[in-house]
Amino acid sequence: MSLQNAKLGEFGYAGDDHVVPFQVDKLDVRGRAVQVGQMLDQILTRHKYPDPVSRLLAEVITLTVMLGSSLKFNGKFIVQTRSDGPVDLLVADFTTPGNVRAYARYSDERLAEAVAAGKDSPEELLGNGVLALTIDQGPHMRRYQGIVQLDGSTLEDVARTYFRQSEQIPTEVRLGVARMQVPGENGVVETWRAGGVLLQFLPSNTDRARMKDLHGGDGDPEEAGNGHPDDDSWVEAVTLLKTVQDDELVDPSVGTERLLYRLFHEHGVRVFEGVNIVDKCSCSREKVRSILSGFTAEEIHESTENGVIRVNCEFCSTEYLFDPADFFKPH
C-alpha cells in the first residue's frame, strides 16, 4: 500500500500495538515501525517498577517486538541483558504470532543511589555486561544466539553493533519512551507509551550493502570500524531517520504510517500488513506442575511454606498454589 498520495480515511491505520513493515524502493531500505500503547502499559503497570526501570524495559520491549515480528516461522525471539548496573537483568520475549512478555530485576538501594547522583540514564542503569539475542524454533531445533557487549552505550547503539557484527547488515534504530498524561473518567491518567523504527539497507546488489571491515579485519585499515557503507542511498535514509524527534515516535496523533510518510514521502514509502502484538504470558498451571513433578522429595519439602507450594511467574505475576502431597510418589 503506497503512502505517496494517501489521505486520512483512505486506508486503515495500524494504530497502537501493531508492528508495520515498510519499504522504500528508491533508497533500497526496508524496516519495521511500531507504536506500543496498551500492551506496554499493562506490563509496566502490573510490575509497578520505578520510572527509570520502566523506561529501560520499555526500550527493550520495543526493540524485541520489532525484531521478533520478522520471524518467518513459529518460534520465540528473546532479548536478555546481564550486567553489573543497578538494573542487572532485563528479559523480553516475543512468541509468534504476537505474544509479548517481559520483566526486570534491579537493586532498590543501587537504583536510589544512581537516581540521587543523576546517573539514571538507560545506559548507566545497565552498566557493563552482555546483551543476548536468541532465536528459539522449538525443542527439536538448535537455538541461534548472538551476544553483544554492554559497555555504557545506548540500546540503539547496541542494536547497531549486533547487526554489524552478527548479520553484516547496515542497520539504524530509533527508540522512544514516554509516560503520558491522558484524560480519563476519573481525571488525568498516566500511561506508558513507546515507539521505534528499525531501518535496514537491503539492495538487490549485495555488493552495495557490504559492511566495511571491523577492527582487526584484513581490509583497508582506514575503513576499519566504520559502521556503515558510504552508499548515497543509505546515507540519505539514515539522515532522514535521524530527523525524527522522540515525541514523534510516541505521539498517538502522529501514528506509525504518518511518521513513515513524513520521513520518506518524497521517495515513495510502502507499508505492508503487519503483526498485532499483545501482552500474553506463556505460563500455565500445567507447565508449572510439570516442572514441580521433576523435583525430588527434598526439593518439594524445601519449596513448601505453610503447607502450600507457591509459584509466582516473574513475567505476569500470576500465583499458582499446589498441595505438596500431589508430588510425593507412593512407595
Protein backbone atom coordinates (compact mmCIF):
# COMPACT_ATOMS: atom_id res chain seq x y z
CA MET A 1 0.00 0.00 0.00
CA SER A 2 1.58 3.31 -1.05
CA LEU A 3 1.55 6.34 1.22
CA GLN A 4 2.64 8.71 -1.55
CA ASN A 5 -0.85 10.17 -2.06
CA ALA A 6 -2.63 8.73 0.95
CA LYS A 7 -5.14 10.80 2.86
CA LEU A 8 -6.75 10.23 6.22
CA GLY A 9 -9.53 7.69 5.87
CA GLU A 10 -8.30 6.18 2.61
CA PHE A 11 -6.84 3.16 4.35
CA GLY A 12 -6.89 1.58 7.77
CA TYR A 13 -4.20 2.87 10.12
CA ALA A 14 -2.44 0.24 12.19
CA GLY A 15 -2.75 2.12 15.47
CA ASP A 16 -1.04 1.04 18.68
CA ASP A 17 0.44 -2.39 19.34
CA HIS A 18 0.84 -3.22 15.68
CA VAL A 19 4.23 -3.65 14.00
CA VAL A 20 4.22 -2.15 10.50
CA PRO A 21 6.73 -3.44 7.90
CA PHE A 22 7.69 -0.86 5.28
CA GLN A 23 9.88 -0.46 2.22
CA VAL A 24 11.37 2.50 0.35
CA ASP A 25 12.38 1.14 -3.05
CA LYS A 26 14.19 4.26 -4.26
CA LEU A 27 16.54 4.10 -1.26
CA ASP A 28 16.77 0.27 -1.16
CA VAL A 29 15.76 0.22 2.50
CA ARG A 30 13.28 -1.85 4.42
CA GLY A 31 12.24 -1.84 8.02
CA ARG A 32 9.62 -2.07 10.71
CA ALA A 33 8.00 0.59 12.84
CA VAL A 34 5.72 0.41 15.86
CA GLN A 35 3.92 2.44 18.49
CA VAL A 36 3.34 0.46 21.67
CA GLY A 37 0.49 1.53 23.92
CA GLN A 38 -1.88 -0.63 25.97
CA MET A 39 0.32 -3.72 25.75
CA LEU A 40 3.30 -1.87 27.21
CA ASP A 41 1.28 -0.05 29.85
CA GLN A 42 -0.23 -3.33 31.09
CA ILE A 43 3.18 -4.93 31.53
CA LEU A 44 4.79 -1.97 33.30
CA THR A 45 1.75 -1.17 35.47
CA ARG A 46 1.49 -4.78 36.61
CA HIS A 47 5.08 -4.85 37.83
CA LYS A 48 5.00 -1.34 39.37
CA TYR A 49 8.63 -0.70 38.55
CA PRO A 50 10.23 2.67 39.37
CA ASP A 51 10.09 5.01 36.37
CA PRO A 52 13.78 4.64 35.36
CA VAL A 53 13.43 0.83 35.29
CA SER A 54 10.15 1.03 33.36
CA ARG A 55 11.71 3.29 30.74
CA LEU A 56 14.62 0.91 30.26
CA LEU A 57 12.39 -2.17 30.00
CA ALA A 58 10.11 -0.29 27.57
CA GLU A 59 13.08 0.23 25.23
CA VAL A 60 13.92 -3.48 25.40
CA ILE A 61 10.30 -4.46 24.71
CA THR A 62 10.08 -2.12 21.71
CA LEU A 63 13.32 -3.47 20.25
CA THR A 64 12.15 -7.06 20.86
CA VAL A 65 8.83 -6.66 19.06
CA MET A 66 10.47 -5.04 16.03
CA LEU A 67 13.00 -7.87 15.75
CA GLY A 68 10.73 -10.74 16.80
CA SER A 69 7.94 -9.78 14.41
CA SER A 70 10.27 -10.53 11.50
CA LEU A 71 10.31 -14.28 12.28
CA LYS A 72 9.09 -16.32 9.30
CA PHE A 73 8.38 -19.44 11.37
CA ASN A 74 6.71 -20.43 14.64
CA GLY A 75 9.12 -19.71 17.42
CA LYS A 76 10.35 -17.28 20.03
CA PHE A 77 12.70 -14.31 19.94
CA ILE A 78 14.32 -13.42 23.26
CA VAL A 79 16.30 -10.35 24.27
CA GLN A 80 18.11 -10.58 27.60
CA THR A 81 20.68 -8.44 29.38
CA ARG A 82 23.03 -9.41 32.21
CA SER A 83 25.09 -6.58 33.58
CA ASP A 84 26.68 -5.03 36.67
CA GLY A 85 24.50 -1.92 36.85
CA PRO A 86 21.60 -1.19 39.23
CA VAL A 87 19.32 -2.98 36.71
CA ASP A 88 21.25 -6.23 36.34
CA LEU A 89 18.72 -8.27 34.36
CA LEU A 90 16.16 -7.48 31.66
CA VAL A 91 14.21 -10.10 29.72
CA ALA A 92 11.68 -9.63 26.93
CA ASP A 93 10.44 -12.31 24.58
CA PHE A 94 8.23 -12.38 21.54
CA THR A 95 6.38 -15.60 20.76
CA THR A 96 4.72 -15.94 17.36
CA PRO A 97 2.27 -14.80 16.23
CA GLY A 98 2.47 -11.77 18.54
CA ASN A 99 2.63 -12.59 22.25
CA VAL A 100 4.94 -10.43 24.37
CA ARG A 101 6.11 -10.69 27.96
CA ALA A 102 8.91 -9.04 29.92
CA TYR A 103 10.36 -8.37 33.35
CA ALA A 104 13.28 -6.61 35.04
CA ARG A 105 15.45 -7.27 38.09
CA TYR A 106 17.08 -4.42 39.95
CA SER A 107 18.56 -3.32 43.27
CA ASP A 108 16.40 -0.79 45.13
CA GLU A 109 19.42 0.55 47.02
CA ARG A 110 21.69 0.92 43.99
CA LEU A 111 18.86 2.40 41.92
CA ALA A 112 18.15 5.04 44.56
CA GLU A 113 21.86 5.92 44.69
CA ALA A 114 22.03 6.22 40.90
CA VAL A 115 18.94 8.46 40.74
CA ALA A 116 20.26 10.68 43.56
CA ALA A 117 23.56 11.06 41.71
CA GLY A 118 21.81 11.86 38.42
CA LYS A 119 23.18 8.68 36.83
CA ASP A 120 19.86 7.16 35.81
CA SER A 121 20.10 7.14 32.02
CA PRO A 122 19.30 3.72 30.49
CA GLU A 123 22.94 3.01 29.68
CA GLU A 124 24.08 3.97 33.19
CA LEU A 125 21.42 1.78 34.80
CA LEU A 126 22.62 -1.19 32.74
CA GLY A 127 26.34 -0.73 33.28
CA ASN A 128 28.72 -3.25 31.73
CA GLY A 129 27.77 -6.76 30.71
CA VAL A 130 26.24 -8.55 27.76
CA LEU A 131 23.05 -8.48 25.71
CA ALA A 132 21.96 -11.78 24.18
CA LEU A 133 19.52 -12.10 21.29
CA THR A 134 18.17 -15.64 20.94
CA ILE A 135 16.02 -17.27 18.26
CA ASP A 136 14.28 -20.41 19.54
CA GLN A 137 12.50 -22.50 16.90
CA GLY A 138 11.28 -25.16 19.32
CA PRO A 139 12.52 -28.21 21.24
CA HIS A 140 13.75 -30.10 18.18
CA MET A 141 15.68 -27.24 16.60
CA ARG A 142 19.00 -25.72 17.50
CA ARG A 143 18.91 -22.27 19.08
CA TYR A 144 20.70 -19.36 17.44
CA GLN A 145 22.18 -16.75 19.77
CA GLY A 146 24.09 -13.54 19.20
CA ILE A 147 26.00 -11.80 22.00
CA VAL A 148 26.82 -8.08 22.17
CA GLN A 149 28.85 -6.33 24.84
CA LEU A 150 27.15 -3.72 27.02
CA ASP A 151 29.77 -1.03 27.60
CA GLY A 152 27.85 2.09 28.52
CA SER A 153 26.34 2.52 25.07
CA THR A 154 22.65 3.13 24.45
CA LEU A 155 20.39 0.26 23.42
CA GLU A 156 20.17 1.87 20.00
CA ASP A 157 23.96 1.66 19.67
CA VAL A 158 23.98 -1.91 20.97
CA ALA A 159 21.43 -2.94 18.32
CA ARG A 160 23.53 -1.33 15.58
CA THR A 161 26.59 -3.21 16.84
CA TYR A 162 24.69 -6.52 16.84
CA PHE A 163 23.69 -6.20 13.19
CA ARG A 164 27.14 -5.00 12.16
CA GLN A 165 28.90 -7.90 13.86
CA SER A 166 26.40 -10.75 13.54
CA GLU A 167 24.34 -10.01 10.44
CA GLN A 168 26.61 -7.71 8.40
CA ILE A 169 23.54 -5.67 7.51
CA PRO A 170 23.70 -1.86 7.72
CA THR A 171 21.04 -1.07 10.33
CA GLU A 172 19.78 2.06 12.06
CA VAL A 173 17.48 2.03 15.11
CA ARG A 174 15.47 4.73 16.86
CA LEU A 175 13.66 4.17 20.17
CA GLY A 176 11.49 6.50 22.23
CA VAL A 177 9.63 6.11 25.54
CA ALA A 178 7.24 8.43 27.38
CA ARG A 179 4.87 8.42 30.32
CA MET A 180 1.95 10.44 29.07
CA GLN A 181 -0.97 12.07 30.86
CA VAL A 182 -4.33 11.44 29.24
CA PRO A 183 -7.84 12.43 30.39
CA GLY A 184 -9.92 9.63 31.89
CA GLU A 185 -13.31 9.18 33.53
CA ASN A 186 -11.80 9.88 36.96
CA GLY A 187 -9.40 12.61 35.93
CA VAL A 188 -5.96 12.55 34.36
CA VAL A 189 -4.41 9.08 33.95
CA GLU A 190 -0.73 8.37 33.37
CA THR A 191 0.02 5.76 30.75
CA TRP A 192 3.23 4.35 29.26
CA ARG A 193 3.92 4.55 25.53
CA ALA A 194 6.89 3.71 23.35
CA GLY A 195 7.77 3.78 19.70
CA GLY A 196 10.54 2.61 17.43
CA VAL A 197 11.80 2.40 13.87
CA LEU A 198 14.22 -0.23 12.56
CA LEU A 199 15.79 0.59 9.19
CA GLN A 200 17.98 -1.76 7.10
CA PHE A 201 19.88 -1.35 3.82
CA LEU A 202 18.94 -4.29 1.58
CA PRO A 203 19.66 -3.50 -2.09
CA SER A 204 19.33 -6.24 -4.71
CA ASN A 205 23.03 -5.78 -5.48
CA THR A 206 24.58 -7.23 -2.32
CA ASP A 207 27.94 -5.59 -3.02
CA ARG A 208 26.32 -2.24 -2.29
CA ALA A 209 25.38 -3.42 1.19
CA ARG A 210 28.80 -4.82 2.07
CA MET A 211 29.81 -3.75 5.54
CA LYS A 212 33.26 -2.31 5.98
CA ASP A 213 35.73 -4.38 8.00
CA LEU A 214 35.68 -4.25 11.77
CA HIS A 215 38.84 -3.53 13.73
CA GLY A 216 41.24 -6.39 13.29
CA GLY A 217 39.93 -7.32 9.85
CA ASP A 218 42.01 -7.74 6.71
CA GLY A 219 40.55 -4.79 4.81
CA ASP A 220 41.73 -1.23 4.42
CA PRO A 221 42.80 -0.02 7.89
CA GLU A 222 41.39 3.41 7.12
CA GLU A 223 37.96 1.86 6.66
CA ALA A 224 38.09 -0.40 9.71
CA GLY A 225 35.41 0.19 12.29
CA ASN A 226 33.21 2.35 10.08
CA GLY A 227 29.67 1.31 10.93
CA HIS A 228 28.02 1.78 7.53
CA PRO A 229 28.82 1.85 3.82
CA ASP A 230 29.13 5.16 2.01
CA ASP A 231 26.32 4.36 -0.40
CA ASP A 232 24.39 7.59 -1.04
CA SER A 233 21.01 5.89 -0.66
CA TRP A 234 21.87 4.52 2.77
CA VAL A 235 23.40 7.78 3.94
CA GLU A 236 20.26 9.64 2.91
CA ALA A 237 17.96 7.11 4.60
CA VAL A 238 19.90 7.33 7.87
CA THR A 239 19.98 11.11 7.70
CA LEU A 240 16.21 11.21 7.29
CA LEU A 241 15.63 8.83 10.20
CA LYS A 242 17.86 10.92 12.48
CA THR A 243 15.50 13.85 11.99
CA VAL A 244 12.81 12.03 13.99
CA GLN A 245 12.15 13.53 17.41
CA ASP A 246 11.45 11.30 20.43
CA ASP A 247 7.98 12.78 20.84
CA GLU A 248 7.11 11.84 17.24
CA LEU A 249 7.93 8.21 17.97
CA VAL A 250 5.36 8.01 20.77
CA ASP A 251 2.74 10.61 19.78
CA PRO A 252 -0.58 8.80 19.11
CA SER A 253 -1.76 11.69 16.95
CA VAL A 254 1.15 11.07 14.57
CA GLY A 255 0.80 7.30 14.21
CA THR A 256 3.18 4.90 12.53
CA GLU A 257 2.05 5.46 8.94
CA ARG A 258 2.05 9.24 9.30
CA LEU A 259 5.58 9.12 10.71
CA LEU A 260 6.81 6.98 7.81
CA TYR A 261 5.13 9.36 5.37
CA ARG A 262 6.83 12.35 6.98
CA LEU A 263 10.19 10.62 6.64
CA PHE A 264 10.06 9.06 3.20
CA HIS A 265 7.16 10.51 1.18
CA GLU A 266 9.49 12.09 -1.37
CA HIS A 267 10.83 8.65 -2.24
CA GLY A 268 7.57 6.70 -2.09
CA VAL A 269 7.24 4.57 1.04
CA ARG A 270 5.10 1.43 1.04
CA VAL A 271 3.65 -0.23 4.12
CA PHE A 272 2.53 -3.84 4.43
CA GLU A 273 0.21 -5.92 6.58
CA GLY A 274 1.81 -6.14 9.98
CA VAL A 275 1.62 -8.05 13.22
CA ASN A 276 -0.63 -7.35 16.19
CA ILE A 277 1.18 -7.67 19.50
CA VAL A 278 -0.45 -8.48 22.83
CA ASP A 279 0.55 -8.79 26.46
CA LYS A 280 0.31 -12.55 26.91
CA CYS A 281 2.42 -14.85 29.05
CA SER A 282 3.13 -18.46 28.12
CA CYS A 283 2.99 -19.75 31.68
CA SER A 284 0.23 -22.15 32.77
CA ARG A 285 -0.67 -24.30 35.74
CA GLU A 286 0.13 -27.40 33.70
CA LYS A 287 3.63 -26.18 32.84
CA VAL A 288 4.40 -25.32 36.46
CA ARG A 289 3.05 -28.69 37.63
CA SER A 290 5.26 -30.44 35.09
CA ILE A 291 8.34 -28.67 36.47
CA LEU A 292 7.44 -29.48 40.08
CA SER A 293 6.88 -33.12 39.11
CA GLY A 294 10.60 -33.37 38.39
CA PHE A 295 11.57 -32.19 41.90
CA THR A 296 12.96 -34.60 44.47
CA ALA A 297 11.14 -35.11 47.77
CA GLU A 298 13.72 -32.90 49.46
CA GLU A 299 13.18 -30.11 46.91
CA ILE A 300 9.40 -30.36 47.34
CA HIS A 301 9.84 -30.06 51.11
CA GLU A 302 12.11 -27.03 50.73
CA SER A 303 9.57 -25.40 48.39
CA THR A 304 6.68 -25.85 50.85
CA GLU A 305 5.66 -22.97 53.08
CA ASN A 306 2.73 -23.16 55.50
CA GLY A 307 1.65 -26.41 53.88
CA VAL A 308 1.47 -24.95 50.36
CA ILE A 309 3.80 -24.60 47.37
CA ARG A 310 3.53 -21.10 45.92
CA VAL A 311 4.96 -20.35 42.49
CA ASN A 312 4.86 -16.83 41.08
CA CYS A 313 5.51 -16.16 37.40
CA GLU A 314 8.15 -13.44 37.11
CA PHE A 315 6.64 -12.27 33.82
CA CYS A 316 2.92 -11.94 34.51
CA SER A 317 2.89 -12.16 38.35
CA THR A 318 0.33 -14.98 38.31
CA GLU A 319 0.47 -17.06 41.51
CA TYR A 320 -0.02 -20.82 41.36
CA LEU A 321 -0.78 -22.83 44.52
CA PHE A 322 -0.11 -26.57 44.86
CA ASP A 323 -0.58 -29.21 47.52
CA PRO A 324 2.87 -30.77 48.15
CA ALA A 325 1.19 -34.13 48.71
CA ASP A 326 0.43 -34.24 44.97
CA PHE A 327 4.14 -34.62 44.20
CA PHE A 328 5.14 -37.34 46.65
CA LYS A 329 5.28 -40.62 44.80
CA PRO A 330 3.89 -43.65 46.68
CA HIS A 331 6.36 -46.42 47.50
